[in-house]
Amino acid sequence: MTVRSSWKAYLRLSLVWVPVKAYPAALSGGGRPQFHQLHADCHCRIRYQKTCPRHGEVDSEAIVSGYQYARDQYLVIDPAELQRQPSQHEPAVTIAEFIPPESLDAMYAGGKSYYLLPDGPAGQRPYAVLCRAMRDAGRHALARAVLSGREQLVLLRPLDDLLVLSVLAYDHQIRRPQVFQDQLTAVEVESEELGLAQSLIEASTTDAFDFSSYRDAHAERLERLIEAKLAGSELVDAPPANEPPPVANLIDALRESVARATPPKAPRKRSTNGRPRQKAACRRVGRKRKSS
């Protein structure tokens, strides 16, 4: 299947310009079955029309953009004024600075992500050099790019031999954690509770993390339902899961959780008489030495 690029630009680092093309990292529709709203009587597709409460349906050419500065009061912005903004047409992703990956919290990366690839033979070498240099240095890059008609802050990071661009939220667009501090109470954590929690985290940590093992269960259920209905059958409702009784207190819950998360130790191999083989072998060696 041929994947078309969404947009093209120049990746700019000082005097280095790399022609690149961008491909959405996420599948269209999230990779899930898509539904449409239909009229229940005839199953015709529901269409949406833009209407004005005074004049009824309105053509797209008659719609303008307005900023509400008071109740029912709008400041109309001419599209031509937006087009005259200097950053609206600059086809560049301009790197501002490089940062350690851990210096930017994941909450800022809430926008779309794109794979950036070199556009044409001229971009292959500078693209490879920049990607390799960022990977070897363990650095990500903050950059500015014009996307969807406006300048946005983006993060560039190497992934294998590719560069990934993720749209970031600006600092003023993120709620500060201090907003919720008044909802927390001072809690004195007991050493036993903390130790059990740390043991539970350690027992639940995997060394070989494989994100592909997490499947979209909702999408899979939808696909099974669609296939069953197309085949003329119905899916049988699954019985409700039996919820375990609540544990009396935190300590008991942590202890039971650690016990469940910790794999049982393999039993030691024993000889035919029920005693450990190693000790039996030692006794045989001892008897041989006495006989000699």
Protein backbone atom coordinates (compact mmCIF):
# COMPACT_ATOMS: atom_id res chain seq x y z
CA MET A 1 0.00 0.00 0.00
CA THR A 2 1.38 3.39 -1.03
CA VAL A 3 1.50 5.98 1.76
CA ARG A 4 1.32 9.60 0.67
CA SER A 5 3.20 12.32 2.46
CA SER A 6 1.13 14.93 4.30
CA TRP A 7 3.42 17.89 3.71
CA LYS A 8 6.93 18.86 2.64
CA ALA A 9 9.37 21.31 4.15
CA TYR A 10 13.03 22.01 4.88
CA LEU A 11 14.57 20.81 8.12
CA ARG A 12 16.86 23.67 9.07
CA LEU A 13 19.81 23.60 11.47
CA SER A 14 21.84 26.82 11.21
CA LEU A 15 23.19 26.80 7.63
CA VAL A 16 22.19 23.18 6.99
CA TRP A 17 18.95 22.74 5.03
CA VAL A 18 17.50 19.23 4.59
CA PRO A 19 14.50 18.72 2.28
CA VAL A 20 12.05 16.44 4.09
CA LYS A 21 8.56 15.04 3.65
CA ALA A 22 6.24 14.09 6.51
CA TYR A 23 4.08 11.00 6.97
CA PRO A 24 1.52 10.67 9.79
CA ALA A 25 2.72 8.20 12.42
CA ALA A 26 -0.82 7.26 13.49
CA LEU A 27 -3.13 5.31 11.20
CA SER A 28 -6.19 7.14 9.89
CA GLY A 29 -9.12 6.60 12.26
CA GLY A 30 -6.84 5.08 14.86
CA GLY A 31 -6.91 1.75 13.01
CA ARG A 32 -10.41 1.05 14.33
CA PRO A 33 -13.65 0.31 12.45
CA GLN A 34 -15.33 3.62 11.65
CA PHE A 35 -19.07 4.20 12.07
CA HIS A 36 -21.36 6.75 10.43
CA GLN A 37 -24.63 8.17 11.66
CA LEU A 38 -27.62 6.94 9.64
CA HIS A 39 -31.33 7.70 9.55
CA ALA A 40 -32.98 4.82 11.42
CA ASP A 41 -35.90 4.58 8.94
CA CYS A 42 -34.03 4.42 5.61
CA HIS A 43 -30.35 4.05 6.64
CA CYS A 44 -29.32 7.10 4.62
CA ARG A 45 -26.19 8.88 5.75
CA ILE A 46 -26.79 11.89 8.01
CA ARG A 47 -25.32 15.08 6.55
CA TYR A 48 -24.34 18.19 8.46
CA GLN A 49 -25.08 21.67 7.17
CA LYS A 50 -23.75 25.00 8.39
CA THR A 51 -26.66 27.24 9.28
CA CYS A 52 -27.23 30.75 10.58
CA PRO A 53 -30.13 31.21 13.06
CA ARG A 54 -31.29 34.24 11.02
CA HIS A 55 -30.68 33.19 7.43
CA GLY A 56 -30.66 29.40 7.45
CA GLU A 57 -28.08 27.39 5.47
CA VAL A 58 -24.87 29.29 4.67
CA ASP A 59 -22.29 28.59 1.96
CA SER A 60 -18.66 28.15 3.01
CA GLU A 61 -17.69 31.29 1.07
CA ALA A 62 -19.96 33.37 3.32
CA ILE A 63 -18.32 32.24 6.57
CA VAL A 64 -15.69 34.38 8.29
CA SER A 65 -13.59 33.93 11.43
CA GLY A 66 -14.44 35.91 14.55
CA TYR A 67 -13.01 36.32 18.04
CA GLN A 68 -15.56 36.64 20.86
CA TYR A 69 -14.47 39.47 23.17
CA ALA A 70 -17.82 39.93 24.95
CA ARG A 71 -21.24 38.28 25.11
CA ASP A 72 -22.55 38.09 21.53
CA GLN A 73 -19.78 40.48 20.44
CA TYR A 74 -17.23 39.31 17.87
CA LEU A 75 -14.15 40.80 16.24
CA VAL A 76 -14.07 39.64 12.61
CA ILE A 77 -10.64 38.64 11.27
CA ASP A 78 -10.26 38.78 7.50
CA PRO A 79 -8.63 35.60 6.09
CA ALA A 80 -6.37 37.85 4.02
CA GLU A 81 -4.96 39.25 7.27
CA LEU A 82 -4.08 35.75 8.44
CA GLN A 83 -2.45 34.98 5.11
CA ARG A 84 -0.20 38.02 5.45
CA GLN A 85 1.36 36.70 8.68
CA PRO A 86 5.07 36.08 7.98
CA SER A 87 5.16 32.56 9.39
CA GLN A 88 2.14 31.20 7.53
CA HIS A 89 3.99 30.12 4.39
CA GLU A 90 7.54 29.40 5.56
CA PRO A 91 8.13 25.75 4.59
CA ALA A 92 10.75 25.10 7.26
CA VAL A 93 11.18 23.13 10.46
CA THR A 94 13.73 25.29 12.22
CA ILE A 95 15.67 23.67 15.07
CA ALA A 96 16.03 26.05 18.02
CA GLU A 97 18.04 23.94 20.48
CA PHE A 98 18.94 20.41 21.54
CA ILE A 99 17.87 18.99 24.89
CA PRO A 100 18.30 15.77 26.90
CA PRO A 101 15.23 13.55 26.41
CA GLU A 102 14.37 13.54 30.12
CA SER A 103 14.23 17.36 30.32
CA LEU A 104 10.79 17.58 28.64
CA ASP A 105 7.80 16.02 30.37
CA ALA A 106 5.62 13.73 28.27
CA MET A 107 2.52 15.84 29.00
CA TYR A 108 3.68 18.42 26.47
CA ALA A 109 3.64 15.90 23.58
CA GLY A 110 -0.11 15.73 23.12
CA GLY A 111 -0.30 16.53 19.41
CA LYS A 112 0.15 14.53 16.21
CA SER A 113 3.39 12.79 15.33
CA TYR A 114 4.97 12.45 11.90
CA TYR A 115 7.83 10.49 10.40
CA LEU A 116 10.21 12.84 8.60
CA LEU A 117 12.02 11.33 5.62
CA PRO A 118 14.51 12.89 3.20
CA ASP A 119 12.82 14.32 0.12
CA GLY A 120 14.93 13.37 -2.88
CA PRO A 121 18.59 12.31 -3.26
CA ALA A 122 19.94 15.69 -2.09
CA GLY A 123 18.51 15.18 1.37
CA GLN A 124 19.77 11.66 2.02
CA ARG A 125 23.26 12.45 3.34
CA PRO A 126 22.50 15.48 5.57
CA TYR A 127 19.44 13.64 6.92
CA ALA A 128 21.51 10.56 7.81
CA VAL A 129 24.25 12.67 9.41
CA LEU A 130 21.80 14.66 11.56
CA CYS A 131 19.85 11.57 12.63
CA ARG A 132 23.02 9.64 13.51
CA ALA A 133 24.52 12.60 15.39
CA MET A 134 21.36 13.08 17.49
CA ARG A 135 21.17 9.35 18.24
CA ASP A 136 24.82 9.09 19.26
CA ALA A 137 24.61 12.24 21.39
CA GLY A 138 21.38 11.10 23.05
CA ARG A 139 19.67 14.39 22.23
CA HIS A 140 16.25 15.56 21.09
CA ALA A 141 15.58 18.88 19.39
CA LEU A 142 13.03 21.63 19.91
CA ALA A 143 11.98 23.29 16.68
CA ARG A 144 9.35 25.58 15.18
CA ALA A 145 7.25 24.52 12.21
CA VAL A 146 4.24 25.87 10.33
CA LEU A 147 1.52 23.20 10.49
CA SER A 148 -2.16 23.62 9.68
CA GLY A 149 -1.55 27.25 8.78
CA ARG A 150 0.09 28.35 12.01
CA GLU A 151 3.46 28.18 13.70
CA GLN A 152 3.76 25.40 16.24
CA LEU A 153 6.38 24.10 18.64
CA VAL A 154 7.56 20.59 17.79
CA LEU A 155 9.94 17.96 19.14
CA LEU A 156 12.36 16.08 16.88
CA ARG A 157 13.80 12.77 18.04
CA PRO A 158 15.67 9.92 16.37
CA LEU A 159 13.95 6.54 16.15
CA ASP A 160 16.17 3.86 14.62
CA ASP A 161 17.26 5.48 11.32
CA LEU A 162 14.33 7.91 11.15
CA LEU A 163 13.43 11.28 12.62
CA VAL A 164 10.07 11.66 14.33
CA LEU A 165 8.34 15.03 14.69
CA SER A 166 5.76 15.46 17.47
CA VAL A 167 3.63 18.57 17.93
CA LEU A 168 4.00 20.04 21.42
CA ALA A 169 1.78 22.19 23.59
CA TYR A 170 3.21 25.51 24.71
CA ASP A 171 3.87 26.03 28.39
CA HIS A 172 0.88 28.35 28.84
CA GLN A 173 -1.41 25.66 27.41
CA ILE A 174 -0.59 23.18 30.18
CA ARG A 175 -2.18 23.22 33.63
CA ARG A 176 0.44 23.50 36.34
CA PRO A 177 0.53 20.71 38.99
CA GLN A 178 0.25 23.37 41.70
CA VAL A 179 -3.41 23.83 40.69
CA PHE A 180 -4.25 20.51 42.34
CA GLN A 181 -2.04 20.72 45.42
CA ASP A 182 -4.95 21.80 47.67
CA GLN A 183 -6.67 18.48 46.93
CA LEU A 184 -3.81 16.53 48.53
CA THR A 185 -3.33 16.01 52.24
CA ALA A 186 -0.04 15.47 54.00
CA VAL A 187 0.47 11.71 54.41
CA GLU A 188 3.23 10.11 56.46
CA VAL A 189 4.33 7.06 54.50
CA GLU A 190 5.25 4.05 56.63
CA SER A 191 8.54 2.34 55.84
CA GLU A 192 6.85 -1.07 55.49
CA GLU A 193 4.30 0.32 53.03
CA LEU A 194 7.04 1.98 51.00
CA GLY A 195 9.18 -1.17 50.98
CA LEU A 196 6.28 -3.34 49.83
CA ALA A 197 5.36 -0.83 47.11
CA GLN A 198 8.97 -0.83 45.88
CA SER A 199 9.00 -4.64 45.90
CA LEU A 200 5.76 -4.67 43.90
CA ILE A 201 7.23 -2.25 41.34
CA GLU A 202 10.38 -4.36 41.05
CA ALA A 203 8.39 -7.59 40.64
CA SER A 204 6.16 -5.94 37.99
CA THR A 205 9.07 -4.51 35.97
CA THR A 206 9.98 -6.24 32.72
CA ASP A 207 13.42 -6.13 31.17
CA ALA A 208 12.21 -6.87 27.63
CA PHE A 209 9.38 -4.37 27.10
CA ASP A 210 7.30 -5.05 23.98
CA PHE A 211 4.65 -2.39 23.36
CA SER A 212 3.16 -4.42 20.48
CA SER A 213 1.91 -6.96 23.04
CA TYR A 214 -0.73 -4.44 24.13
CA ARG A 215 -3.67 -4.92 21.78
CA ASP A 216 -6.66 -2.66 21.14
CA ALA A 217 -9.27 -4.90 22.74
CA HIS A 218 -12.12 -2.52 21.91
CA ALA A 219 -11.25 -2.53 18.19
CA GLU A 220 -10.90 -6.32 18.17
CA ARG A 221 -14.34 -6.72 19.78
CA LEU A 222 -15.85 -4.37 17.19
CA GLU A 223 -14.27 -6.34 14.34
CA ARG A 224 -15.62 -9.63 15.74
CA LEU A 225 -19.08 -8.09 16.08
CA ILE A 226 -19.03 -6.76 12.49
CA GLU A 227 -17.82 -10.09 11.09
CA ALA A 228 -20.47 -12.00 13.04
CA LYS A 229 -23.28 -9.72 11.86
CA LEU A 230 -22.09 -9.91 8.24
CA ALA A 231 -22.12 -13.69 8.56
CA GLY A 232 -25.70 -13.59 9.89
CA SER A 233 -24.90 -14.60 13.45
CA GLU A 234 -24.81 -12.83 16.78
CA LEU A 235 -22.14 -12.78 19.45
CA VAL A 236 -23.05 -14.25 22.82
CA ASP A 237 -22.58 -11.92 25.74
CA ALA A 238 -19.66 -12.90 27.95
CA PRO A 239 -20.49 -13.58 31.60
CA PRO A 240 -19.53 -10.77 33.96
CA ALA A 241 -16.14 -11.17 35.59
CA ASN A 242 -16.13 -12.12 39.24
CA GLU A 243 -14.62 -9.24 41.16
CA PRO A 244 -12.34 -10.27 44.04
CA PRO A 245 -13.41 -9.10 47.48
CA PRO A 246 -11.73 -5.89 48.64
CA VAL A 247 -8.63 -6.30 50.80
CA ALA A 248 -9.00 -5.04 54.35
CA ASN A 249 -6.10 -2.57 54.41
CA LEU A 250 -3.18 -1.22 52.41
CA ILE A 251 -0.53 -3.45 53.99
CA ASP A 252 -2.52 -6.61 53.22
CA ALA A 253 -3.20 -5.40 49.67
CA LEU A 254 0.50 -4.73 49.07
CA ARG A 255 1.56 -8.07 50.54
CA GLU A 256 -0.96 -10.01 48.45
CA SER A 257 -0.01 -8.04 45.33
CA VAL A 258 3.70 -8.74 45.84
CA ALA A 259 2.94 -12.43 46.32
CA ARG A 260 0.94 -12.54 43.08
CA ALA A 261 3.56 -10.61 41.10
CA THR A 262 6.53 -12.62 42.34
CA PRO A 263 7.05 -15.82 40.32
CA PRO A 264 7.29 -18.96 42.47
CA LYS A 265 10.74 -20.44 42.95
CA ALA A 266 11.45 -23.65 41.05
CA PRO A 267 11.55 -26.66 43.41
CA ARG A 268 14.91 -28.35 43.94
CA LYS A 269 15.35 -31.68 42.23
CA ARG A 270 15.32 -34.64 44.58
CA SER A 271 16.57 -38.19 44.35
CA THR A 272 14.33 -41.25 44.37
CA ASN A 273 14.50 -41.51 48.17
CA GLY A 274 13.17 -37.97 48.57
CA ARG A 275 16.49 -36.38 49.52
CA PRO A 276 18.30 -33.70 47.47
CA ARG A 277 20.44 -35.22 44.73
CA GLN A 278 23.41 -33.03 45.52
CA LYS A 279 23.70 -34.35 49.07
CA ALA A 280 23.25 -37.92 47.86
CA ALA A 281 26.05 -37.43 45.36
CA CYS A 282 28.29 -36.06 48.14
CA ARG A 283 27.63 -39.16 50.26
CA ARG A 284 28.55 -41.44 47.36
CA VAL A 285 31.83 -39.59 46.92
CA GLY A 286 32.51 -39.93 50.63
CA ARG A 287 31.93 -43.69 50.55
CA LYS A 288 34.33 -44.11 47.62
CA ARG A 289 37.05 -42.26 49.50
CA LYS A 290 36.61 -44.46 52.61
CA SER A 291 36.76 -47.68 50.57
CA SER A 292 40.01 -46.61 48.93
